[in-house]
Protein backbone atom coordinates (compact mmCIF):
# COMPACT_ATOMS: atom_id res chain seq x y z
CA MET A 1 -25.70 40.75 -12.01
CA GLU A 2 -22.23 41.71 -13.20
CA PHE A 3 -19.17 41.05 -11.08
CA SER A 4 -18.42 44.75 -10.61
CA LYS A 5 -21.95 45.38 -9.33
CA LYS A 6 -21.53 42.55 -6.84
CA ILE A 7 -18.29 44.08 -5.58
CA VAL A 8 -19.87 47.52 -5.11
CA LEU A 9 -22.87 45.93 -3.36
CA ALA A 10 -20.55 44.00 -1.03
CA MET A 11 -18.67 47.22 -0.21
CA LEU A 12 -21.95 48.99 0.53
CA ILE A 13 -23.14 46.19 2.81
CA THR A 14 -19.78 46.22 4.62
CA TRP A 15 -19.99 50.00 5.10
CA ILE A 16 -23.56 49.79 6.45
CA ALA A 17 -22.55 46.99 8.82
CA SER A 18 -19.58 49.00 10.09
CA LEU A 19 -21.86 52.03 10.57
CA VAL A 20 -24.28 49.97 12.67
CA VAL A 21 -21.45 48.48 14.73
CA THR A 22 -19.95 51.93 15.29
CA ILE A 23 -23.29 53.36 16.44
CA VAL A 24 -23.98 50.43 18.77
CA LEU A 25 -20.52 50.58 20.32
CA LYS A 26 -20.76 54.36 20.64
CA ILE A 27 -23.74 53.81 22.96
CA PHE A 28 -21.38 51.95 25.30
CA ASN A 29 -18.75 54.73 25.03
CA ILE A 30 -16.39 52.64 22.93
CA ASP A 31 -14.73 54.72 20.22
CA THR A 32 -14.63 52.78 16.95
CA GLU A 33 -15.00 55.55 14.41
CA PHE A 34 -11.70 54.51 12.80
CA ILE A 35 -13.61 51.57 11.31
CA LEU A 36 -15.76 53.98 9.32
CA THR A 37 -12.67 55.78 8.07
CA TYR A 38 -11.25 52.59 6.55
CA THR A 39 -14.51 51.32 5.09
CA GLN A 40 -15.51 54.72 3.72
CA VAL A 41 -12.30 55.02 1.71
CA ALA A 42 -12.87 51.56 0.22
CA LEU A 43 -16.50 52.36 -0.58
CA VAL A 44 -15.69 55.68 -2.26
CA SER A 45 -12.84 54.11 -4.26
CA GLY A 46 -15.06 51.25 -5.38
CA VAL A 47 -17.93 53.49 -6.42
CA ILE A 48 -15.64 55.87 -8.33
CA GLY A 49 -13.99 52.92 -10.05
CA TYR A 50 -17.35 51.41 -10.98
CA LEU A 51 -18.67 54.73 -12.34
CA THR A 52 -15.49 55.21 -14.36
CA LYS A 53 -15.76 51.70 -15.82
CA SER A 54 -19.43 52.20 -16.69
CA GLY A 55 -18.72 55.57 -18.27
CA ILE A 56 -16.00 54.14 -20.50
CA GLU A 57 -18.27 51.27 -21.54
CA ASN A 58 -21.09 53.69 -22.38
CA VAL A 59 -18.80 55.91 -24.47
CA ASN A 60 -17.69 52.84 -26.41
CA LYS A 61 -21.31 51.79 -26.98
CA ILE A 62 -22.26 55.27 -28.17
CA ASN A 63 -19.30 55.39 -30.58
CA GLU A 64 -20.34 52.02 -32.06
CA TRP A 65 -23.96 53.07 -32.74
CA GLY A 66 -23.15 54.46 -36.16
CA ASN A 67 -21.10 51.43 -37.18
CA PRO A 68 -22.68 49.94 -40.35
CA ASP A 69 -21.65 46.44 -39.24
CA ASP A 70 -23.69 46.82 -36.08
CA LYS A 71 -26.80 44.64 -35.86
CA GLY A 72 -28.57 47.08 -33.54
CA TRP A 73 -31.40 49.56 -34.03
CA TYR A 74 -29.34 51.80 -36.32
CA CYS A 75 -29.23 49.19 -39.08
CA ALA A 76 -32.93 48.47 -38.72
CA PHE A 77 -33.82 52.12 -39.31
CA LYS A 78 -31.17 52.51 -42.01
CA SER A 79 -33.02 50.05 -44.25
CA TRP A 80 -36.15 52.27 -44.32
């Protein structure tokens, strides 16, 4: 698993844990919704950053498909 996927997974686990803590404390009339506000911003920022990084990597891979020096599937079919 890539490092960026681990970071996004850790953010998701943190957000779920803060959601559970907020719900449990809400039962006892303790207001802790501010925790969700902080963790939600971090989660959204992390996911948007990860999607942006993945999108840029995919565009670069697609642009390199037609490269004659590539050892991928394009060159295999080109020899037919």
